[in-house]
Amino acid sequence: MKSKHRKTLELIFHRPPSGNVRWDDVMAMLSEIGAEFDEREGSRVAITLNADTVVQHRPHPAPTMDKGAVASLRKFLEFHGVKP
């Protein structure tokens, strides 16, 4: 994993959840670990990893994810054994 993706993963796992996690960085990191994406209605994006799917909302107008979305993504990644 590239160092930029590793830093993004560390930011996702930081406690308390960070409000500075950029959506584009998260999508690039998830793509690196083999996740697939499916655009859904509105700003929803389905993220599939190991045949398990979670739906996240693409942040707008700011490029950063809110803390609740970061916490939800962290739980999803922990479930699949992805840790920094």
N, C-alpha and C. Protein backbone atom coordinates (compact mmCIF):
# COMPACT_ATOMS: atom_id res chain seq x y z
N MET A 1 0.85 -1.17 0.00
CA MET A 1 0.00 0.00 0.00
C MET A 1 0.90 1.24 0.00
N LYS A 2 0.55 2.20 -0.82
CA LYS A 2 1.32 3.44 -0.90
C LYS A 2 1.23 4.21 0.42
N SER A 3 2.23 5.02 0.68
CA SER A 3 2.26 5.76 1.95
C SER A 3 1.08 6.73 2.06
N LYS A 4 0.64 7.31 0.95
CA LYS A 4 -0.51 8.21 0.99
C LYS A 4 -1.77 7.45 1.43
N HIS A 5 -1.95 6.24 0.93
CA HIS A 5 -3.11 5.43 1.31
C HIS A 5 -3.00 5.00 2.76
N ARG A 6 -1.79 4.69 3.20
CA ARG A 6 -1.57 4.29 4.59
C ARG A 6 -1.92 5.46 5.53
N LYS A 7 -1.55 6.68 5.15
CA LYS A 7 -1.87 7.87 5.96
C LYS A 7 -3.38 8.08 6.02
N THR A 8 -4.06 7.86 4.92
CA THR A 8 -5.52 7.98 4.90
C THR A 8 -6.14 6.95 5.83
N LEU A 9 -5.65 5.73 5.79
CA LEU A 9 -6.15 4.67 6.66
C LEU A 9 -5.91 5.01 8.13
N GLU A 10 -4.74 5.55 8.44
CA GLU A 10 -4.44 5.96 9.81
C GLU A 10 -5.38 7.07 10.26
N LEU A 11 -5.70 7.99 9.37
CA LEU A 11 -6.62 9.08 9.69
C LEU A 11 -8.03 8.55 9.96
N ILE A 12 -8.44 7.53 9.22
CA ILE A 12 -9.75 6.91 9.44
C ILE A 12 -9.81 6.25 10.81
N PHE A 13 -8.71 5.65 11.24
CA PHE A 13 -8.68 4.93 12.51
C PHE A 13 -8.30 5.82 13.70
N HIS A 14 -8.04 7.10 13.46
CA HIS A 14 -7.70 8.01 14.55
C HIS A 14 -8.90 8.19 15.47
N ARG A 15 -8.63 8.22 16.79
CA ARG A 15 -9.70 8.44 17.77
C ARG A 15 -9.45 9.76 18.47
N PRO A 16 -10.40 10.62 18.64
CA PRO A 16 -11.75 10.58 18.10
C PRO A 16 -11.73 10.76 16.58
N PRO A 17 -12.83 10.42 15.92
CA PRO A 17 -12.86 10.50 14.45
C PRO A 17 -12.48 11.89 13.95
N SER A 18 -11.69 11.91 12.91
CA SER A 18 -11.24 13.16 12.33
C SER A 18 -12.28 13.73 11.37
N GLY A 19 -12.36 15.03 11.31
CA GLY A 19 -13.24 15.70 10.35
C GLY A 19 -12.48 16.15 9.12
N ASN A 20 -11.24 15.68 8.97
CA ASN A 20 -10.39 16.10 7.85
C ASN A 20 -10.09 14.98 6.87
N VAL A 21 -10.97 14.00 6.77
CA VAL A 21 -10.74 12.87 5.87
C VAL A 21 -11.37 13.20 4.52
N ARG A 22 -10.52 13.32 3.51
CA ARG A 22 -10.99 13.69 2.16
C ARG A 22 -11.60 12.48 1.46
N TRP A 23 -12.76 12.68 0.86
CA TRP A 23 -13.49 11.63 0.16
C TRP A 23 -12.66 11.02 -0.95
N ASP A 24 -12.01 11.83 -1.75
CA ASP A 24 -11.21 11.32 -2.87
C ASP A 24 -10.06 10.44 -2.38
N ASP A 25 -9.45 10.81 -1.27
CA ASP A 25 -8.36 10.00 -0.71
C ASP A 25 -8.89 8.65 -0.22
N VAL A 26 -10.09 8.66 0.39
CA VAL A 26 -10.70 7.42 0.86
C VAL A 26 -11.03 6.51 -0.32
N MET A 27 -11.59 7.06 -1.36
CA MET A 27 -11.95 6.26 -2.53
C MET A 27 -10.70 5.65 -3.17
N ALA A 28 -9.61 6.40 -3.25
CA ALA A 28 -8.36 5.88 -3.81
C ALA A 28 -7.80 4.76 -2.94
N MET A 29 -7.84 4.94 -1.62
CA MET A 29 -7.34 3.92 -0.70
C MET A 29 -8.18 2.65 -0.79
N LEU A 30 -9.50 2.80 -0.83
CA LEU A 30 -10.39 1.64 -0.94
C LEU A 30 -10.17 0.90 -2.26
N SER A 31 -9.97 1.63 -3.32
CA SER A 31 -9.69 1.02 -4.61
C SER A 31 -8.40 0.21 -4.55
N GLU A 32 -7.42 0.72 -3.84
CA GLU A 32 -6.13 0.05 -3.69
C GLU A 32 -6.27 -1.30 -2.98
N ILE A 33 -7.21 -1.40 -2.03
CA ILE A 33 -7.37 -2.66 -1.30
C ILE A 33 -8.40 -3.59 -1.95
N GLY A 34 -8.93 -3.18 -3.11
CA GLY A 34 -9.79 -4.07 -3.88
C GLY A 34 -11.27 -3.83 -3.77
N ALA A 35 -11.67 -2.71 -3.22
CA ALA A 35 -13.10 -2.40 -3.11
C ALA A 35 -13.66 -2.01 -4.48
N GLU A 36 -14.95 -2.27 -4.65
CA GLU A 36 -15.65 -1.88 -5.87
C GLU A 36 -16.72 -0.87 -5.50
N PHE A 37 -17.08 -0.01 -6.44
CA PHE A 37 -18.01 1.08 -6.18
C PHE A 37 -19.18 1.03 -7.14
N ASP A 38 -20.33 1.42 -6.63
CA ASP A 38 -21.54 1.48 -7.44
C ASP A 38 -22.27 2.77 -7.08
N GLU A 39 -22.40 3.66 -8.05
CA GLU A 39 -23.12 4.91 -7.82
C GLU A 39 -24.60 4.60 -7.66
N ARG A 40 -25.19 5.14 -6.63
CA ARG A 40 -26.61 4.94 -6.35
C ARG A 40 -27.34 6.25 -6.51
N GLU A 41 -28.60 6.26 -6.14
CA GLU A 41 -29.44 7.44 -6.26
C GLU A 41 -28.89 8.59 -5.42
N GLY A 42 -28.95 9.79 -5.96
CA GLY A 42 -28.48 10.96 -5.24
C GLY A 42 -26.97 10.92 -5.07
N SER A 43 -26.53 11.16 -3.86
CA SER A 43 -25.09 11.19 -3.60
C SER A 43 -24.61 9.91 -2.93
N ARG A 44 -25.39 8.86 -3.01
CA ARG A 44 -25.01 7.59 -2.37
C ARG A 44 -24.04 6.79 -3.24
N VAL A 45 -23.09 6.17 -2.56
CA VAL A 45 -22.12 5.30 -3.23
C VAL A 45 -22.06 4.00 -2.44
N ALA A 46 -22.31 2.88 -3.12
CA ALA A 46 -22.19 1.56 -2.49
C ALA A 46 -20.75 1.11 -2.62
N ILE A 47 -20.16 0.75 -1.49
CA ILE A 47 -18.78 0.28 -1.45
C ILE A 47 -18.82 -1.21 -1.11
N THR A 48 -18.29 -2.04 -2.00
CA THR A 48 -18.31 -3.48 -1.80
C THR A 48 -16.88 -3.99 -1.61
N LEU A 49 -16.70 -4.73 -0.51
CA LEU A 49 -15.41 -5.32 -0.19
C LEU A 49 -15.67 -6.73 0.31
N ASN A 50 -15.08 -7.71 -0.33
CA ASN A 50 -15.26 -9.12 0.05
C ASN A 50 -16.74 -9.51 0.11
N ALA A 51 -17.49 -9.14 -0.89
CA ALA A 51 -18.92 -9.47 -1.04
C ALA A 51 -19.80 -8.85 0.03
N ASP A 52 -19.31 -7.88 0.77
CA ASP A 52 -20.09 -7.16 1.77
C ASP A 52 -20.17 -5.70 1.32
N THR A 53 -21.34 -5.09 1.47
CA THR A 53 -21.55 -3.74 0.96
C THR A 53 -21.98 -2.79 2.05
N VAL A 54 -21.45 -1.59 1.99
CA VAL A 54 -21.87 -0.50 2.85
C VAL A 54 -22.16 0.69 1.93
N VAL A 55 -23.17 1.47 2.28
CA VAL A 55 -23.52 2.64 1.47
C VAL A 55 -23.10 3.90 2.23
N GLN A 56 -22.34 4.73 1.56
CA GLN A 56 -21.88 6.00 2.12
C GLN A 56 -22.42 7.13 1.26
N HIS A 57 -22.56 8.29 1.85
CA HIS A 57 -22.98 9.48 1.10
C HIS A 57 -21.75 10.27 0.70
N ARG A 58 -21.68 10.60 -0.57
CA ARG A 58 -20.59 11.44 -1.07
C ARG A 58 -20.78 12.83 -0.45
N PRO A 59 -19.75 13.34 0.23
CA PRO A 59 -19.92 14.64 0.89
C PRO A 59 -20.02 15.78 -0.12
N HIS A 60 -20.83 16.75 0.21
CA HIS A 60 -20.96 17.95 -0.62
C HIS A 60 -21.52 19.05 0.25
N PRO A 61 -21.21 20.27 0.10
CA PRO A 61 -20.27 20.81 -0.90
C PRO A 61 -18.82 20.66 -0.49
N ALA A 62 -18.54 20.36 0.78
CA ALA A 62 -17.15 20.19 1.24
C ALA A 62 -16.60 18.84 0.76
N PRO A 63 -15.29 18.75 0.54
CA PRO A 63 -14.70 17.49 0.07
C PRO A 63 -14.38 16.50 1.19
N THR A 64 -14.68 16.87 2.45
CA THR A 64 -14.32 16.01 3.58
C THR A 64 -15.55 15.29 4.13
N MET A 65 -15.30 14.09 4.65
CA MET A 65 -16.36 13.27 5.23
C MET A 65 -16.66 13.77 6.65
N ASP A 66 -17.93 13.63 7.07
CA ASP A 66 -18.24 14.01 8.44
C ASP A 66 -17.79 12.89 9.39
N LYS A 67 -17.72 13.20 10.67
CA LYS A 67 -17.17 12.27 11.65
C LYS A 67 -17.98 10.98 11.76
N GLY A 68 -19.30 11.05 11.61
CA GLY A 68 -20.13 9.85 11.67
C GLY A 68 -19.85 8.91 10.52
N ALA A 69 -19.64 9.47 9.34
CA ALA A 69 -19.33 8.65 8.17
C ALA A 69 -17.96 8.00 8.32
N VAL A 70 -17.01 8.72 8.90
CA VAL A 70 -15.67 8.17 9.13
C VAL A 70 -15.75 7.00 10.12
N ALA A 71 -16.52 7.17 11.18
CA ALA A 71 -16.68 6.10 12.18
C ALA A 71 -17.34 4.87 11.57
N SER A 72 -18.34 5.09 10.73
CA SER A 72 -19.02 3.98 10.06
C SER A 72 -18.06 3.24 9.13
N LEU A 73 -17.28 3.98 8.39
CA LEU A 73 -16.30 3.37 7.48
C LEU A 73 -15.25 2.60 8.27
N ARG A 74 -14.82 3.13 9.41
CA ARG A 74 -13.85 2.45 10.25
C ARG A 74 -14.39 1.09 10.71
N LYS A 75 -15.66 1.03 11.13
CA LYS A 75 -16.26 -0.24 11.55
C LYS A 75 -16.30 -1.23 10.39
N PHE A 76 -16.64 -0.75 9.20
CA PHE A 76 -16.69 -1.59 8.01
C PHE A 76 -15.31 -2.17 7.72
N LEU A 77 -14.28 -1.35 7.79
CA LEU A 77 -12.92 -1.80 7.52
C LEU A 77 -12.43 -2.77 8.60
N GLU A 78 -12.74 -2.47 9.86
CA GLU A 78 -12.35 -3.38 10.95
C GLU A 78 -12.98 -4.76 10.77
N PHE A 79 -14.23 -4.78 10.33
CA PHE A 79 -14.94 -6.05 10.11
C PHE A 79 -14.21 -6.91 9.09
N HIS A 80 -13.58 -6.26 8.11
CA HIS A 80 -12.89 -6.98 7.05
C HIS A 80 -11.39 -7.12 7.31
N GLY A 81 -10.96 -6.78 8.52
CA GLY A 81 -9.57 -6.97 8.89
C GLY A 81 -8.60 -5.97 8.31
N VAL A 82 -9.11 -4.85 7.85
CA VAL A 82 -8.25 -3.80 7.30
C VAL A 82 -7.93 -2.83 8.43
N LYS A 83 -6.66 -2.76 8.79
CA LYS A 83 -6.21 -1.87 9.87
C LYS A 83 -4.90 -1.22 9.46
N PRO A 84 -4.59 -0.06 10.04
CA PRO A 84 -3.33 0.59 9.69
C PRO A 84 -2.10 -0.17 10.18
